[in-house]
Amino acid sequence: MTPAKELLFQVFVVAVRRDLAREPGTQAVANHVTEAFARLGIEPDERTVQKGLHLVGAALGRVDWKERGSTRDARLVGSLLTDLVHTRGLDEAEIAALVAAGERRLERLRRTRHGRRMWWWDRLLDSAAPVTALPRAGGQGPRTIAGHGLKALARYDTRAARALPDDPSPECALAVVDNAFSIAVRERFGDRPDPDQIVLLAESLSRLSPKFAASDVESLVLAEFAESAASPEAATEIKVAAFVKIGDDLGLYDHEIDDLIIMAEGIAEEDGCELSLLDKG
């Protein structure tokens, strides 16, 4: 596949996730594809409809790209992407942000193509990851060590995460992680979570690492809505992984990830935590 086509597919993935990831079930996908073909003036045969459904479902991570063979039809992807851009009324700046997110996603996938089922968590110490400068505090973005750790992992930047100093206030760092997880879960599932979508998240995380039992992931997510306690052994690691995965599933841009983390830091501070700020030096 040519680099241009690879980028096209990744931009398509981000655009579809931003538009449809919060919609449960298959009906929203079916409606979207049907309406897109109508807007595009296409009268598709059954095979084309199924390819469209598969492409959107695969972009959402709900079906495997390979499930129906070679369905990465660049022309069809381009048509569906054009429809998304036009119907959502994206301006030049928004289109540029979408393309930039696709470029970052493509760069990440190229970097982690080998063994990417376990790419970012159990390969955290992979020396093959590119060197990235330590993120600095100040300006618009996370202020704390924990916040910068979440940001680095959300960007799949393992070197930046490893370069951060140890947090001298581990309890407050955990509070930031807990808050970030809670905010992300609400962002992903709303106030009335769809059980099937929670199962999908749990299963996808369980494939990333043997530490993440699907049942543990489900219990932690459901606890956010039932006001009940759930404390599996790997709870903190699961919450970090879920935060990263939800950001990816929703196609969030870097500044939107920052906003979630800043909110998590603010809640921890309001609750009395003395947060460990990242030294500007």
Protein backbone atom coordinates (compact mmCIF):
# COMPACT_ATOMS: atom_id res chain seq x y z
CA MET A 1 0.00 0.00 0.00
CA THR A 2 1.32 3.45 -0.88
CA PRO A 3 2.10 5.97 1.91
CA ALA A 4 -0.71 8.21 0.66
CA LYS A 5 -3.25 5.40 0.93
CA GLU A 6 -1.97 4.42 4.36
CA LEU A 7 -2.45 8.00 5.56
CA LEU A 8 -5.91 8.14 3.98
CA PHE A 9 -7.01 5.10 5.96
CA GLN A 10 -5.68 6.46 9.26
CA VAL A 11 -7.38 9.84 8.74
CA PHE A 12 -10.56 7.90 7.98
CA VAL A 13 -10.19 5.93 11.23
CA VAL A 14 -9.84 9.11 13.30
CA ALA A 15 -12.77 10.81 11.55
CA VAL A 16 -15.08 7.82 11.96
CA ARG A 17 -14.18 7.40 15.62
CA ARG A 18 -14.76 11.06 16.38
CA ASP A 19 -18.18 10.86 14.73
CA LEU A 20 -19.54 7.42 15.66
CA ALA A 21 -17.56 5.86 18.52
CA ARG A 22 -20.04 6.99 21.16
CA GLU A 23 -22.95 5.40 19.30
CA PRO A 24 -23.75 1.90 20.60
CA GLY A 25 -24.73 -1.06 18.48
CA THR A 26 -24.72 -1.56 14.72
CA GLN A 27 -27.74 0.50 13.72
CA ALA A 28 -25.93 3.83 13.89
CA VAL A 29 -23.23 2.47 11.59
CA ALA A 30 -25.82 1.11 9.15
CA ASN A 31 -27.71 4.41 9.14
CA HIS A 32 -24.51 6.38 8.61
CA VAL A 33 -23.38 4.26 5.64
CA THR A 34 -26.83 4.30 4.02
CA GLU A 35 -27.17 8.06 4.41
CA ALA A 36 -23.61 8.66 3.21
CA PHE A 37 -24.23 6.75 -0.01
CA ALA A 38 -27.43 8.75 -0.55
CA ARG A 39 -25.63 12.07 -0.02
CA LEU A 40 -22.86 10.98 -2.37
CA GLY A 41 -25.37 10.04 -5.05
CA ILE A 42 -24.21 6.42 -5.05
CA GLU A 43 -26.68 3.63 -5.67
CA PRO A 44 -24.63 0.76 -4.24
CA ASP A 45 -25.13 -2.92 -4.82
CA GLU A 46 -25.21 -5.27 -1.83
CA ARG A 47 -21.47 -5.96 -2.06
CA THR A 48 -20.62 -2.25 -1.88
CA VAL A 49 -22.98 -1.74 1.07
CA GLN A 50 -21.29 -4.58 2.95
CA LYS A 51 -17.86 -3.13 2.16
CA GLY A 52 -18.98 0.24 3.48
CA LEU A 53 -20.35 -1.31 6.67
CA HIS A 54 -17.17 -3.30 7.12
CA LEU A 55 -14.90 -0.30 6.59
CA VAL A 56 -16.74 1.81 9.16
CA GLY A 57 -16.97 -1.09 11.63
CA ALA A 58 -13.27 -1.81 11.24
CA ALA A 59 -12.40 1.87 11.72
CA LEU A 60 -14.32 1.72 14.99
CA GLY A 61 -12.41 -1.40 16.02
CA ARG A 62 -15.58 -3.49 16.13
CA VAL A 63 -14.57 -5.88 13.35
CA ASP A 64 -11.19 -6.96 12.02
CA TRP A 65 -9.88 -5.29 8.87
CA LYS A 66 -8.98 -8.72 7.51
CA GLU A 67 -12.29 -10.35 8.28
CA ARG A 68 -13.64 -9.83 4.76
CA GLY A 69 -10.35 -10.05 2.91
CA SER A 70 -8.95 -7.02 1.06
CA THR A 71 -11.67 -4.47 1.83
CA ARG A 72 -9.46 -1.42 2.16
CA ASP A 73 -10.93 0.16 -0.95
CA ALA A 74 -9.17 3.53 -1.16
CA ARG A 75 -11.81 5.02 -3.45
CA LEU A 76 -14.65 4.02 -1.14
CA VAL A 77 -12.73 5.20 1.93
CA GLY A 78 -12.08 8.52 0.22
CA SER A 79 -15.76 8.94 -0.63
CA LEU A 80 -16.92 8.12 2.92
CA LEU A 81 -14.26 10.42 4.40
CA THR A 82 -15.26 13.27 2.07
CA ASP A 83 -18.86 12.83 3.16
CA LEU A 84 -17.87 13.00 6.84
CA VAL A 85 -15.86 16.18 6.29
CA HIS A 86 -18.66 17.87 4.36
CA THR A 87 -21.58 16.81 6.56
CA ARG A 88 -19.75 17.89 9.72
CA GLY A 89 -18.83 21.21 8.13
CA LEU A 90 -15.14 20.99 9.00
CA ASP A 91 -13.16 24.12 8.18
CA GLU A 92 -9.55 24.19 6.97
CA ALA A 93 -8.12 24.26 10.48
CA GLU A 94 -10.27 21.31 11.56
CA ILE A 95 -9.31 19.34 8.46
CA ALA A 96 -5.64 20.07 9.15
CA ALA A 97 -6.06 18.81 12.73
CA LEU A 98 -7.74 15.66 11.43
CA VAL A 99 -4.92 14.97 8.98
CA ALA A 100 -2.30 15.65 11.66
CA ALA A 101 -4.02 13.12 13.95
CA GLY A 102 -3.98 10.59 11.11
CA GLU A 103 -0.26 11.22 10.56
CA ARG A 104 0.49 10.64 14.25
CA ARG A 105 -1.57 7.48 14.22
CA LEU A 106 0.25 6.20 11.12
CA GLU A 107 3.64 7.00 12.65
CA ARG A 108 2.69 5.09 15.79
CA LEU A 109 1.48 2.05 13.88
CA ARG A 110 4.64 1.93 11.78
CA ARG A 111 6.72 2.10 14.94
CA THR A 112 4.79 -0.70 16.61
CA ARG A 113 3.84 -2.86 13.65
CA HIS A 114 5.68 -5.89 14.97
CA GLY A 115 3.84 -7.43 17.89
CA ARG A 116 1.45 -4.54 18.27
CA ARG A 117 -1.09 -6.63 20.22
CA MET A 118 1.17 -5.92 23.18
CA TRP A 119 2.65 -2.72 21.80
CA TRP A 120 2.58 -0.14 24.48
CA TRP A 121 2.14 -1.67 27.89
CA ASP A 122 4.23 -4.82 28.07
CA ARG A 123 6.67 -3.25 25.58
CA LEU A 124 7.05 -0.14 27.71
CA LEU A 125 10.80 -0.60 28.00
CA ASP A 126 11.29 -1.27 24.28
CA SER A 127 14.49 0.51 23.35
CA ALA A 128 13.38 0.66 19.72
CA ALA A 129 10.93 3.45 20.53
CA PRO A 130 12.12 6.85 19.26
CA VAL A 131 13.72 9.26 21.70
CA THR A 132 11.35 12.08 22.59
CA ALA A 133 12.25 15.13 24.64
CA LEU A 134 10.94 15.22 28.17
CA PRO A 135 7.69 17.22 28.15
CA ARG A 136 8.00 20.45 30.09
CA ALA A 137 5.54 21.92 32.56
CA GLY A 138 3.97 25.29 31.96
CA GLY A 139 1.74 26.61 29.23
CA GLN A 140 -1.41 24.81 28.20
CA GLY A 141 -1.27 21.19 29.26
CA PRO A 142 -0.84 18.92 32.28
CA ARG A 143 1.13 20.35 35.19
CA THR A 144 1.93 17.27 37.23
CA ILE A 145 4.31 14.35 36.90
CA ALA A 146 1.35 11.97 36.88
CA GLY A 147 -0.43 14.09 34.29
CA HIS A 148 2.59 14.15 32.00
CA GLY A 149 2.89 10.39 32.42
CA LEU A 150 -0.70 9.93 31.24
CA LYS A 151 -0.10 12.34 28.35
CA ALA A 152 3.04 10.49 27.24
CA LEU A 153 1.31 7.12 27.31
CA ALA A 154 -1.74 8.52 25.51
CA ARG A 155 0.68 9.54 22.75
CA TYR A 156 2.26 6.07 22.93
CA ASP A 157 5.53 7.82 23.74
CA THR A 158 7.19 5.31 26.03
CA ARG A 159 10.52 7.09 26.12
CA ALA A 160 8.92 10.28 27.43
CA ALA A 161 7.06 8.27 30.07
CA ARG A 162 10.26 6.55 31.20
CA ALA A 163 12.13 9.87 31.33
CA LEU A 164 9.79 11.34 33.92
CA PRO A 165 11.02 11.47 37.53
CA ASP A 166 9.42 9.37 40.25
CA ASP A 167 6.41 11.08 41.78
CA PRO A 168 7.15 11.95 45.44
CA SER A 169 3.40 11.93 46.19
CA PRO A 170 2.22 8.51 44.98
CA GLU A 171 -1.19 8.80 46.62
CA CYS A 172 -1.91 12.04 44.79
CA ALA A 173 -0.57 10.55 41.56
CA LEU A 174 -3.04 7.70 41.99
CA ALA A 175 -5.80 10.24 42.56
CA VAL A 176 -4.99 11.87 39.21
CA VAL A 177 -5.10 8.47 37.51
CA ASP A 178 -8.40 7.57 39.21
CA ASN A 179 -9.95 10.88 38.15
CA ALA A 180 -8.66 10.59 34.59
CA PHE A 181 -10.13 7.11 34.31
CA SER A 182 -13.50 8.26 35.65
CA ILE A 183 -13.63 11.22 33.28
CA ALA A 184 -12.62 9.10 30.29
CA VAL A 185 -15.20 6.41 31.10
CA ARG A 186 -17.96 9.04 31.27
CA GLU A 187 -16.69 10.60 28.06
CA ARG A 188 -16.80 7.22 26.34
CA PHE A 189 -20.05 5.76 27.69
CA GLY A 190 -22.10 8.75 28.85
CA ASP A 191 -24.49 8.33 31.76
CA ARG A 192 -26.19 5.18 30.46
CA PRO A 193 -23.46 2.78 29.39
CA ASP A 194 -24.15 0.09 26.83
CA PRO A 195 -23.05 -3.29 28.29
CA ASP A 196 -21.88 -4.56 24.90
CA GLN A 197 -19.57 -1.56 24.49
CA ILE A 198 -18.09 -2.14 27.95
CA VAL A 199 -17.46 -5.77 27.01
CA LEU A 200 -15.78 -4.61 23.80
CA LEU A 201 -13.43 -2.32 25.76
CA ALA A 202 -12.70 -5.07 28.29
CA GLU A 203 -11.90 -7.61 25.60
CA SER A 204 -9.65 -5.20 23.70
CA LEU A 205 -7.66 -4.39 26.86
CA SER A 206 -7.37 -8.06 27.78
CA ARG A 207 -5.62 -8.63 24.45
CA LEU A 208 -3.04 -5.96 25.25
CA SER A 209 -1.66 -7.69 28.32
CA PRO A 210 -2.26 -10.83 30.39
CA LYS A 211 -2.42 -8.50 33.40
CA PHE A 212 -5.75 -7.14 32.21
CA ALA A 213 -8.47 -9.72 32.83
CA ALA A 214 -11.62 -8.75 30.96
CA SER A 215 -13.71 -9.31 34.09
CA ASP A 216 -11.50 -6.89 36.05
CA VAL A 217 -11.84 -4.22 33.37
CA GLU A 218 -15.63 -4.63 33.33
CA SER A 219 -15.87 -4.41 37.12
CA LEU A 220 -13.82 -1.19 37.22
CA VAL A 221 -15.91 0.45 34.50
CA LEU A 222 -19.23 -0.64 35.98
CA ALA A 223 -18.12 0.59 39.42
CA GLU A 224 -18.01 4.12 37.98
CA PHE A 225 -21.77 3.96 37.40
CA ALA A 226 -22.87 1.87 40.37
CA GLU A 227 -20.94 3.82 43.01
CA SER A 228 -19.46 0.53 44.15
CA ALA A 229 -15.89 -0.42 44.89
CA ALA A 230 -13.78 -2.61 42.63
CA SER A 231 -10.10 -3.23 43.39
CA PRO A 232 -8.52 -5.88 41.18
CA GLU A 233 -4.81 -6.41 41.69
CA ALA A 234 -3.84 -4.48 38.54
CA ALA A 235 -6.45 -1.73 39.04
CA THR A 236 -4.12 1.24 38.50
CA GLU A 237 -2.51 -0.28 35.41
CA ILE A 238 -5.94 -1.12 34.00
CA LYS A 239 -7.13 2.44 34.59
CA VAL A 240 -4.13 3.90 32.79
CA ALA A 241 -4.55 1.45 29.91
CA ALA A 242 -8.27 2.21 29.70
CA PHE A 243 -7.61 5.96 29.64
CA VAL A 244 -5.21 5.50 26.73
CA LYS A 245 -7.52 3.12 24.88
CA ILE A 246 -10.59 5.33 25.28
CA GLY A 247 -8.70 8.34 23.94
CA ASP A 248 -7.72 6.27 20.92
CA ASP A 249 -11.21 4.80 20.48
CA LEU A 250 -12.76 8.28 20.45
CA GLY A 251 -10.15 9.70 18.09
CA LEU A 252 -9.31 12.45 20.57
CA TYR A 253 -6.73 15.05 19.57
CA ASP A 254 -3.74 15.78 21.79
CA HIS A 255 -5.26 18.97 23.19
CA GLU A 256 -8.46 17.07 24.06
CA ILE A 257 -6.43 14.46 25.94
CA ASP A 258 -4.72 17.35 27.74
CA ASP A 259 -8.10 18.77 28.72
CA LEU A 260 -9.15 15.47 30.34
CA ILE A 261 -5.89 15.27 32.28
CA ILE A 262 -6.08 18.91 33.39
CA MET A 263 -9.59 18.24 34.68
CA ALA A 264 -8.33 15.16 36.56
CA GLU A 265 -5.53 17.20 38.14
CA GLY A 266 -7.97 19.92 39.14
CA ILE A 267 -10.32 17.47 40.87
CA ALA A 268 -7.42 15.92 42.79
CA GLU A 269 -6.29 19.38 43.88
CA GLU A 270 -9.81 20.31 44.98
CA ASP A 271 -9.87 17.11 47.05
CA GLY A 272 -6.84 18.29 48.99
CA CYS A 273 -3.97 16.62 47.14
CA GLU A 274 -0.63 18.38 47.06
CA LEU A 275 0.22 17.58 43.47
CA SER A 276 3.79 17.01 42.33
CA LEU A 277 4.40 19.52 39.57
CA LEU A 278 6.86 18.76 36.82
CA ASP A 279 9.99 20.86 37.30
CA LYS A 280 10.44 23.36 34.49
CA GLY A 281 14.19 23.01 34.69
